[in-house]
Amino acid sequence: MKKFSTLLAVSAASLALSACGTADDASTEATADTVEMPANEALEGVSEEPVADDAANAADDAAAEDATEAQAATAEAAGEAAADVAARAAAAADAVGDAADSAAKAADAAGDAVDAVTN
């Protein structure tokens, strides 16, 4: 019975404590009024409009052009290297074909020699 009364007291205390909380729901989505209010307050003293500065992008344009030229040079070098590899692969394939032809001729000659010995 003592355990039951202790459990009852703890339950009553937890219910009383939860009743003291607020009804704010953390899952409530933020609305534009509450989110933009601090931003609008920060900009209240600003009366000037933003101005485009053409010189600000000049350095970026030059850097972009240099990067484009470097990329083109890298692409050309990669293309030349690929062509070199393709040429080497073709030469290796020709060498393998020649070796296969030589091996076929040697096998024919060996077969002829075996036929000559057995007949």
N, C-alpha and C. Protein backbone atom coordinates (compact mmCIF):
# COMPACT_ATOMS: atom_id res chain seq x y z
N MET A 1 0.81 -1.18 0.00
CA MET A 1 0.00 0.00 0.00
C MET A 1 0.86 1.26 0.00
N LYS A 2 2.04 1.16 0.63
CA LYS A 2 2.93 2.31 0.67
C LYS A 2 3.44 2.64 -0.73
N LYS A 3 3.71 1.60 -1.55
CA LYS A 3 4.18 1.82 -2.92
C LYS A 3 3.09 2.50 -3.75
N PHE A 4 1.85 2.08 -3.52
CA PHE A 4 0.74 2.67 -4.26
C PHE A 4 0.56 4.14 -3.91
N SER A 5 0.69 4.48 -2.66
CA SER A 5 0.52 5.87 -2.25
C SER A 5 1.69 6.73 -2.78
N THR A 6 2.88 6.17 -2.83
CA THR A 6 4.04 6.89 -3.37
C THR A 6 3.84 7.14 -4.87
N LEU A 7 3.37 6.12 -5.59
CA LEU A 7 3.11 6.26 -7.01
C LEU A 7 2.01 7.29 -7.26
N LEU A 8 0.99 7.28 -6.42
CA LEU A 8 -0.10 8.25 -6.54
C LEU A 8 0.41 9.67 -6.30
N ALA A 9 1.28 9.85 -5.33
CA ALA A 9 1.82 11.17 -5.02
C ALA A 9 2.71 11.68 -6.16
N VAL A 10 3.53 10.81 -6.72
CA VAL A 10 4.40 11.19 -7.82
C VAL A 10 3.57 11.54 -9.05
N SER A 11 2.54 10.78 -9.32
CA SER A 11 1.66 11.07 -10.46
C SER A 11 0.97 12.41 -10.30
N ALA A 12 0.48 12.67 -9.10
CA ALA A 12 -0.21 13.94 -8.85
C ALA A 12 0.77 15.11 -8.99
N ALA A 13 1.99 14.95 -8.51
CA ALA A 13 2.99 16.01 -8.61
C ALA A 13 3.36 16.27 -10.07
N SER A 14 3.50 15.21 -10.87
CA SER A 14 3.87 15.40 -12.28
C SER A 14 2.73 16.06 -13.06
N LEU A 15 1.50 15.71 -12.75
CA LEU A 15 0.36 16.36 -13.41
C LEU A 15 0.27 17.83 -13.02
N ALA A 16 0.52 18.14 -11.76
CA ALA A 16 0.46 19.52 -11.32
C ALA A 16 1.58 20.34 -11.96
N LEU A 17 2.74 19.75 -12.09
CA LEU A 17 3.87 20.43 -12.71
C LEU A 17 3.63 20.67 -14.20
N SER A 18 3.05 19.69 -14.87
CA SER A 18 2.78 19.86 -16.30
C SER A 18 1.68 20.89 -16.54
N ALA A 19 0.81 21.08 -15.59
CA ALA A 19 -0.24 22.08 -15.73
C ALA A 19 0.32 23.49 -15.62
N CYS A 20 1.50 23.65 -15.05
CA CYS A 20 2.11 24.97 -14.90
C CYS A 20 2.80 25.44 -16.18
N GLY A 21 2.98 24.57 -17.16
CA GLY A 21 3.68 24.93 -18.39
C GLY A 21 2.85 25.81 -19.28
N THR A 22 3.50 26.33 -20.34
CA THR A 22 2.79 27.19 -21.29
C THR A 22 2.20 26.35 -22.40
N ALA A 23 1.39 26.95 -23.22
CA ALA A 23 0.75 26.25 -24.32
C ALA A 23 1.49 26.47 -25.63
N ASP A 24 2.71 27.01 -25.59
CA ASP A 24 3.47 27.22 -26.82
C ASP A 24 3.82 25.88 -27.43
N ASP A 25 3.57 25.76 -28.72
CA ASP A 25 3.85 24.51 -29.41
C ASP A 25 5.11 24.70 -30.25
N ALA A 26 6.12 23.89 -30.01
CA ALA A 26 7.38 24.02 -30.73
C ALA A 26 7.25 23.63 -32.19
N SER A 27 6.22 22.89 -32.53
CA SER A 27 6.06 22.46 -33.92
C SER A 27 5.33 23.50 -34.78
N THR A 28 4.92 24.61 -34.19
CA THR A 28 4.26 25.66 -34.95
C THR A 28 5.25 26.28 -35.91
N GLU A 29 4.87 26.36 -37.17
CA GLU A 29 5.79 26.90 -38.18
C GLU A 29 5.92 28.41 -38.03
N ALA A 30 7.08 28.92 -38.38
CA ALA A 30 7.32 30.36 -38.31
C ALA A 30 6.59 31.03 -39.45
N THR A 31 5.99 32.14 -39.17
CA THR A 31 5.30 32.89 -40.22
C THR A 31 6.18 34.05 -40.67
N ALA A 32 5.83 34.64 -41.77
CA ALA A 32 6.64 35.72 -42.32
C ALA A 32 6.69 36.92 -41.38
N ASP A 33 5.63 37.15 -40.63
CA ASP A 33 5.62 38.30 -39.72
C ASP A 33 6.67 38.14 -38.63
N THR A 34 6.81 36.94 -38.09
CA THR A 34 7.74 36.75 -36.98
C THR A 34 9.17 36.61 -37.46
N VAL A 35 9.36 36.11 -38.66
CA VAL A 35 10.71 35.88 -39.15
C VAL A 35 11.31 37.17 -39.71
N GLU A 36 10.54 37.95 -40.44
CA GLU A 36 11.07 39.12 -41.11
C GLU A 36 11.10 40.36 -40.23
N MET A 37 10.45 40.31 -39.09
CA MET A 37 10.43 41.48 -38.21
C MET A 37 11.84 41.93 -37.80
N PRO A 38 12.71 41.04 -37.32
CA PRO A 38 14.06 41.51 -36.94
C PRO A 38 14.84 42.06 -38.13
N ALA A 39 14.66 41.49 -39.30
CA ALA A 39 15.38 41.99 -40.48
C ALA A 39 14.88 43.38 -40.86
N ASN A 40 13.59 43.58 -40.81
CA ASN A 40 13.04 44.90 -41.14
C ASN A 40 13.48 45.96 -40.13
N GLU A 41 13.54 45.57 -38.87
CA GLU A 41 13.98 46.52 -37.84
C GLU A 41 15.43 46.92 -38.06
N ALA A 42 16.26 45.99 -38.51
CA ALA A 42 17.67 46.29 -38.74
C ALA A 42 17.85 47.24 -39.92
N LEU A 43 16.94 47.24 -40.85
CA LEU A 43 17.09 48.07 -42.05
C LEU A 43 16.30 49.37 -41.98
N GLU A 44 15.69 49.68 -40.88
CA GLU A 44 14.88 50.90 -40.78
C GLU A 44 15.68 52.16 -41.03
N GLY A 45 16.93 52.23 -40.59
CA GLY A 45 17.73 53.45 -40.74
C GLY A 45 18.37 53.58 -42.11
N VAL A 46 18.26 52.61 -42.99
CA VAL A 46 18.91 52.64 -44.30
C VAL A 46 17.97 53.31 -45.29
N SER A 47 18.47 54.37 -45.93
CA SER A 47 17.64 55.08 -46.90
C SER A 47 18.22 55.01 -48.31
N GLU A 48 19.46 54.55 -48.45
CA GLU A 48 20.11 54.50 -49.75
C GLU A 48 19.76 53.19 -50.46
N GLU A 49 19.70 53.28 -51.77
CA GLU A 49 19.46 52.11 -52.59
C GLU A 49 20.81 51.52 -53.01
N PRO A 50 20.89 50.22 -53.23
CA PRO A 50 22.15 49.64 -53.69
C PRO A 50 22.50 50.13 -55.10
N VAL A 51 23.79 50.27 -55.37
CA VAL A 51 24.26 50.77 -56.66
C VAL A 51 25.18 49.72 -57.28
N ALA A 52 25.00 49.48 -58.56
CA ALA A 52 25.84 48.52 -59.26
C ALA A 52 27.22 49.12 -59.49
N ASP A 53 28.25 48.33 -59.26
CA ASP A 53 29.63 48.76 -59.46
C ASP A 53 30.24 47.90 -60.56
N ASP A 54 30.38 48.48 -61.76
CA ASP A 54 30.89 47.73 -62.90
C ASP A 54 32.34 47.30 -62.71
N ALA A 55 33.13 48.10 -62.01
CA ALA A 55 34.54 47.78 -61.80
C ALA A 55 34.71 46.60 -60.85
N ALA A 56 33.70 46.32 -60.05
CA ALA A 56 33.82 45.22 -59.09
C ALA A 56 33.93 43.87 -59.78
N ASN A 57 33.32 43.73 -60.93
CA ASN A 57 33.34 42.46 -61.64
C ASN A 57 34.45 42.36 -62.67
N ALA A 58 35.19 43.42 -62.90
CA ALA A 58 36.23 43.41 -63.92
C ALA A 58 37.31 42.39 -63.59
N ALA A 59 37.73 42.34 -62.35
CA ALA A 59 38.76 41.37 -61.95
C ALA A 59 38.23 39.95 -62.08
N ASP A 60 36.97 39.75 -61.73
CA ASP A 60 36.38 38.41 -61.84
C ASP A 60 36.30 37.99 -63.30
N ASP A 61 35.97 38.92 -64.21
CA ASP A 61 35.88 38.59 -65.63
C ASP A 61 37.25 38.21 -66.18
N ALA A 62 38.30 38.93 -65.79
CA ALA A 62 39.65 38.62 -66.25
C ALA A 62 40.09 37.27 -65.71
N ALA A 63 39.78 36.99 -64.46
CA ALA A 63 40.14 35.70 -63.87
C ALA A 63 39.38 34.57 -64.55
N ALA A 64 38.12 34.80 -64.89
CA ALA A 64 37.33 33.78 -65.57
C ALA A 64 37.88 33.51 -66.95
N GLU A 65 38.34 34.57 -67.64
CA GLU A 65 38.91 34.38 -68.98
C GLU A 65 40.21 33.60 -68.89
N ASP A 66 41.05 33.92 -67.90
CA ASP A 66 42.30 33.17 -67.70
C ASP A 66 42.00 31.71 -67.39
N ALA A 67 40.99 31.47 -66.55
CA ALA A 67 40.63 30.10 -66.20
C ALA A 67 40.12 29.35 -67.42
N THR A 68 39.37 30.03 -68.28
CA THR A 68 38.85 29.40 -69.49
C THR A 68 39.99 29.02 -70.42
N GLU A 69 40.97 29.92 -70.57
CA GLU A 69 42.13 29.61 -71.41
C GLU A 69 42.92 28.45 -70.83
N ALA A 70 43.08 28.41 -69.52
CA ALA A 70 43.81 27.31 -68.89
C ALA A 70 43.06 26.00 -69.07
N GLN A 71 41.74 26.04 -68.97
CA GLN A 71 40.95 24.82 -69.17
C GLN A 71 41.05 24.34 -70.62
N ALA A 72 41.07 25.27 -71.56
CA ALA A 72 41.21 24.89 -72.97
C ALA A 72 42.57 24.25 -73.22
N ALA A 73 43.62 24.81 -72.63
CA ALA A 73 44.95 24.24 -72.78
C ALA A 73 45.02 22.85 -72.16
N THR A 74 44.40 22.69 -71.01
CA THR A 74 44.38 21.38 -70.35
C THR A 74 43.60 20.37 -71.20
N ALA A 75 42.50 20.81 -71.78
CA ALA A 75 41.70 19.92 -72.62
C ALA A 75 42.48 19.50 -73.87
N GLU A 76 43.21 20.45 -74.47
CA GLU A 76 44.02 20.12 -75.64
C GLU A 76 45.11 19.12 -75.29
N ALA A 77 45.77 19.34 -74.14
CA ALA A 77 46.82 18.41 -73.71
C ALA A 77 46.24 17.03 -73.45
N ALA A 78 45.05 16.98 -72.85
CA ALA A 78 44.41 15.69 -72.59
C ALA A 78 44.04 15.01 -73.90
N GLY A 79 43.58 15.77 -74.88
CA GLY A 79 43.25 15.20 -76.19
C GLY A 79 44.48 14.64 -76.88
N GLU A 80 45.59 15.37 -76.81
CA GLU A 80 46.83 14.89 -77.42
C GLU A 80 47.32 13.62 -76.72
N ALA A 81 47.21 13.58 -75.40
CA ALA A 81 47.63 12.39 -74.66
C ALA A 81 46.74 11.20 -75.03
N ALA A 82 45.44 11.44 -75.19
CA ALA A 82 44.53 10.37 -75.57
C ALA A 82 44.85 9.85 -76.97
N ALA A 83 45.17 10.75 -77.89
CA ALA A 83 45.53 10.34 -79.24
C ALA A 83 46.82 9.51 -79.22
N ASP A 84 47.78 9.89 -78.37
CA ASP A 84 49.03 9.14 -78.24
C ASP A 84 48.76 7.74 -77.69
N VAL A 85 47.91 7.66 -76.70
CA VAL A 85 47.56 6.35 -76.13
C VAL A 85 46.85 5.49 -77.16
N ALA A 86 45.96 6.10 -77.93
CA ALA A 86 45.25 5.34 -78.97
C ALA A 86 46.22 4.83 -80.03
N ALA A 87 47.20 5.66 -80.40
CA ALA A 87 48.20 5.23 -81.39
C ALA A 87 49.03 4.07 -80.85
N ARG A 88 49.42 4.15 -79.58
CA ARG A 88 50.19 3.06 -78.97
C ARG A 88 49.35 1.78 -78.89
N ALA A 89 48.07 1.92 -78.58
CA ALA A 89 47.20 0.75 -78.50
C ALA A 89 47.05 0.10 -79.87
N ALA A 90 46.93 0.92 -80.91
CA ALA A 90 46.82 0.39 -82.27
C ALA A 90 48.11 -0.34 -82.67
N ALA A 91 49.24 0.24 -82.31
CA ALA A 91 50.52 -0.40 -82.62
C ALA A 91 50.65 -1.72 -81.86
N ALA A 92 50.21 -1.75 -80.61
CA ALA A 92 50.27 -2.99 -79.84
C ALA A 92 49.34 -4.04 -80.44
N ALA A 93 48.17 -3.61 -80.90
CA ALA A 93 47.23 -4.55 -81.52
C ALA A 93 47.82 -5.11 -82.81
N ASP A 94 48.49 -4.28 -83.59
CA ASP A 94 49.15 -4.75 -84.82
C ASP A 94 50.24 -5.76 -84.47
N ALA A 95 51.01 -5.46 -83.42
CA ALA A 95 52.08 -6.38 -83.01
C ALA A 95 51.50 -7.71 -82.55
N VAL A 96 50.40 -7.67 -81.83
CA VAL A 96 49.75 -8.90 -81.38
C VAL A 96 49.22 -9.68 -82.58
N GLY A 97 48.66 -8.96 -83.55
CA GLY A 97 48.17 -9.62 -84.76
C GLY A 97 49.30 -10.28 -85.53
N ASP A 98 50.44 -9.59 -85.63
CA ASP A 98 51.61 -10.16 -86.33
C ASP A 98 52.12 -11.39 -85.58
N ALA A 99 52.14 -11.31 -84.25
CA ALA A 99 52.59 -12.44 -83.45
C ALA A 99 51.63 -13.62 -83.59
N ALA A 100 50.35 -13.32 -83.67
CA ALA A 100 49.37 -14.39 -83.84
C ALA A 100 49.54 -15.05 -85.20
N ASP A 101 49.80 -14.25 -86.22
CA ASP A 101 50.04 -14.82 -87.55
C ASP A 101 51.28 -15.70 -87.56
N SER A 102 52.34 -15.23 -86.90
CA SER A 102 53.57 -16.02 -86.82
C SER A 102 53.33 -17.31 -86.05
N ALA A 103 52.56 -17.22 -84.99
CA ALA A 103 52.26 -18.44 -84.21
C ALA A 103 51.43 -19.41 -85.02
N ALA A 104 50.51 -18.91 -85.82
CA ALA A 104 49.69 -19.78 -86.66
C ALA A 104 50.55 -20.47 -87.71
N LYS A 105 51.50 -19.72 -88.29
CA LYS A 105 52.40 -20.31 -89.27
C LYS A 105 53.28 -21.37 -88.63
N ALA A 106 53.74 -21.10 -87.41
CA ALA A 106 54.58 -22.08 -86.71
C ALA A 106 53.77 -23.32 -86.37
N ALA A 107 52.51 -23.15 -86.00
CA ALA A 107 51.67 -24.30 -85.69
C ALA A 107 51.41 -25.12 -86.95
N ASP A 108 51.20 -24.45 -88.08
CA ASP A 108 51.00 -25.17 -89.34
C ASP A 108 52.26 -25.96 -89.71
N ALA A 109 53.39 -25.32 -89.51
CA ALA A 109 54.66 -26.01 -89.83
C ALA A 109 54.86 -27.19 -88.90
N ALA A 110 54.52 -27.06 -87.67
CA ALA A 110 54.66 -28.19 -86.73
C ALA A 110 53.69 -29.30 -87.11
N GLY A 111 52.48 -28.91 -87.50
CA GLY A 111 51.51 -29.93 -87.93
C GLY A 111 51.99 -30.66 -89.17
N ASP A 112 52.60 -29.90 -90.09
CA ASP A 112 53.13 -30.54 -91.30
C ASP A 112 54.27 -31.50 -90.95
N ALA A 113 55.11 -31.10 -90.00
CA ALA A 113 56.22 -31.96 -89.58
C ALA A 113 55.69 -33.24 -88.93
N VAL A 114 54.65 -33.12 -88.13
CA VAL A 114 54.06 -34.31 -87.48
C VAL A 114 53.45 -35.21 -88.54
N ASP A 115 52.78 -34.63 -89.53
CA ASP A 115 52.19 -35.42 -90.60
C ASP A 115 53.27 -36.15 -91.38
N ALA A 116 54.39 -35.47 -91.62
CA ALA A 116 55.47 -36.08 -92.38
C ALA A 116 56.09 -37.25 -91.61
N VAL A 117 56.21 -37.13 -90.32
CA VAL A 117 56.80 -38.19 -89.51
C VAL A 117 55.85 -39.39 -89.40
N THR A 118 54.59 -39.15 -89.28
CA THR A 118 53.63 -40.23 -89.09
C THR A 118 53.27 -40.93 -90.40
N ASN A 119 53.49 -40.34 -91.52
CA ASN A 119 53.15 -40.97 -92.79
C ASN A 119 54.33 -41.67 -93.32
